[in-house]
Amino acid sequence: MALTAIPGGKVRVTVKKSITNDQAFKTLERLFMSDKVAAAPLVARSANFKSIPKRRGGRIWTKRPNKIHMLLNEGETATIKATPQHIRDLASVAKFVDVVTA
């Protein structure tokens, strides 16, 4: 993948075909969660969650909101910041996504 994005810029990532590899799905899910629009359901769920620490089995225990896993179907898009690590991650899943500078 010849991505010419400079670190610190923005890139638009679009899923071009179904993701059949579990590692690629996890990588793309992590990258898509850095987009505020894609992460909105998790943020909304966390905003309504009130943490109440309590003692359970002799230890302090706090329930946390469950992570909402995304459905990365064909055509899903996200705009993310292009850090050097994100560029390497996008290169590893290049056969599943199209990447253009935003």
Protein backbone atom coordinates (compact mmCIF):
# COMPACT_ATOMS: atom_id res chain seq x y z
CA MET A 1 0.00 0.00 0.00
CA ALA A 2 1.50 3.29 -1.03
CA LEU A 3 -0.09 5.61 1.50
CA THR A 4 1.35 9.10 1.18
CA ALA A 5 -0.28 10.48 4.32
CA ILE A 6 1.96 12.53 6.54
CA PRO A 7 1.88 11.80 10.27
CA GLY A 8 -0.44 14.21 12.01
CA GLY A 9 -2.77 14.54 9.01
CA LYS A 10 -6.21 13.02 8.59
CA VAL A 11 -7.09 9.98 6.50
CA ARG A 12 -10.44 8.54 5.50
CA VAL A 13 -10.65 4.77 5.84
CA THR A 14 -13.38 2.87 3.98
CA VAL A 15 -14.01 -0.87 4.29
CA LYS A 16 -14.00 -2.21 0.73
CA LYS A 17 -14.67 -5.92 1.35
CA SER A 18 -15.78 -8.16 4.18
CA ILE A 19 -13.13 -8.77 6.83
CA THR A 20 -12.37 -12.47 7.14
CA ASN A 21 -9.33 -12.27 9.41
CA ASP A 22 -9.86 -11.89 13.18
CA GLN A 23 -6.64 -9.94 13.70
CA ALA A 24 -7.53 -7.54 10.89
CA PHE A 25 -11.01 -7.05 12.38
CA LYS A 26 -9.53 -6.18 15.79
CA THR A 27 -7.06 -3.76 14.22
CA LEU A 28 -9.76 -2.00 12.22
CA GLU A 29 -12.11 -1.91 15.19
CA ARG A 30 -9.40 -0.24 17.28
CA LEU A 31 -8.68 2.27 14.51
CA PHE A 32 -12.37 3.02 13.93
CA MET A 33 -12.87 3.63 17.66
CA SER A 34 -10.47 6.58 17.41
CA ASP A 35 -13.09 8.32 15.24
CA LYS A 36 -15.53 10.26 17.44
CA VAL A 37 -18.52 9.47 15.23
CA ALA A 38 -17.84 5.74 15.31
CA ALA A 39 -17.20 5.75 19.07
CA ALA A 40 -20.37 7.73 19.89
CA PRO A 41 -22.43 4.69 21.09
CA LEU A 42 -19.75 3.72 23.61
CA VAL A 43 -19.41 7.29 24.84
CA ALA A 44 -23.20 7.58 25.20
CA ARG A 45 -23.34 4.32 27.14
CA SER A 46 -20.50 5.41 29.42
CA ALA A 47 -22.13 8.79 30.08
CA ASN A 48 -25.24 7.13 31.51
CA PHE A 49 -23.23 4.73 33.65
CA LYS A 50 -22.74 5.62 37.29
CA SER A 51 -19.86 3.79 38.93
CA ILE A 52 -20.55 2.78 42.51
CA PRO A 53 -17.52 1.02 44.05
CA LYS A 54 -18.42 -1.57 46.65
CA ARG A 55 -16.72 -4.29 48.64
CA ARG A 56 -17.07 -7.70 47.05
CA GLY A 57 -15.13 -10.69 48.32
CA GLY A 58 -12.91 -8.45 50.45
CA ARG A 59 -11.87 -6.29 47.50
CA ILE A 60 -13.13 -3.05 46.05
CA TRP A 61 -15.15 -3.87 42.94
CA THR A 62 -16.61 -1.52 40.35
CA LYS A 63 -18.72 -2.55 37.39
CA ARG A 64 -17.71 -0.92 34.13
CA PRO A 65 -19.73 -0.56 30.94
CA ASN A 66 -19.24 -3.34 28.42
CA LYS A 67 -17.45 -2.53 25.18
CA ILE A 68 -19.73 -2.23 22.19
CA HIS A 69 -18.25 -4.14 19.27
CA MET A 70 -18.70 -2.55 15.88
CA LEU A 71 -20.14 -4.10 12.76
CA LEU A 72 -17.58 -3.31 10.08
CA ASN A 73 -19.56 -3.99 6.94
CA GLU A 74 -18.61 -2.95 3.43
CA GLY A 75 -18.88 0.80 2.98
CA GLU A 76 -18.27 1.78 6.61
CA THR A 77 -16.03 4.85 6.83
CA ALA A 78 -14.04 6.62 9.52
CA THR A 79 -11.80 9.67 9.55
CA ILE A 80 -8.77 9.13 11.76
CA LYS A 81 -5.56 10.93 12.58
CA ALA A 82 -2.61 9.44 10.71
CA THR A 83 0.03 8.70 13.32
CA PRO A 84 3.03 6.58 12.33
CA GLN A 85 1.55 3.58 14.18
CA HIS A 86 -1.84 4.02 12.48
CA ILE A 87 -0.14 4.12 9.09
CA ARG A 88 1.63 0.81 9.86
CA ASP A 89 -1.65 -0.70 11.07
CA LEU A 90 -3.45 0.42 7.90
CA ALA A 91 -0.69 -1.11 5.79
CA SER A 92 -1.27 -4.46 7.52
CA VAL A 93 -5.00 -4.46 6.63
CA ALA A 94 -4.61 -2.90 3.18
CA LYS A 95 -6.48 -5.68 1.36
CA PHE A 96 -9.67 -4.91 3.31
CA VAL A 97 -9.72 -1.08 3.19
CA ASP A 98 -9.30 1.92 0.94
CA VAL A 99 -7.34 4.79 2.45
CA VAL A 100 -7.36 8.37 1.11
CA THR A 101 -6.14 11.58 2.66
CA ALA A 102 -8.95 13.69 4.06
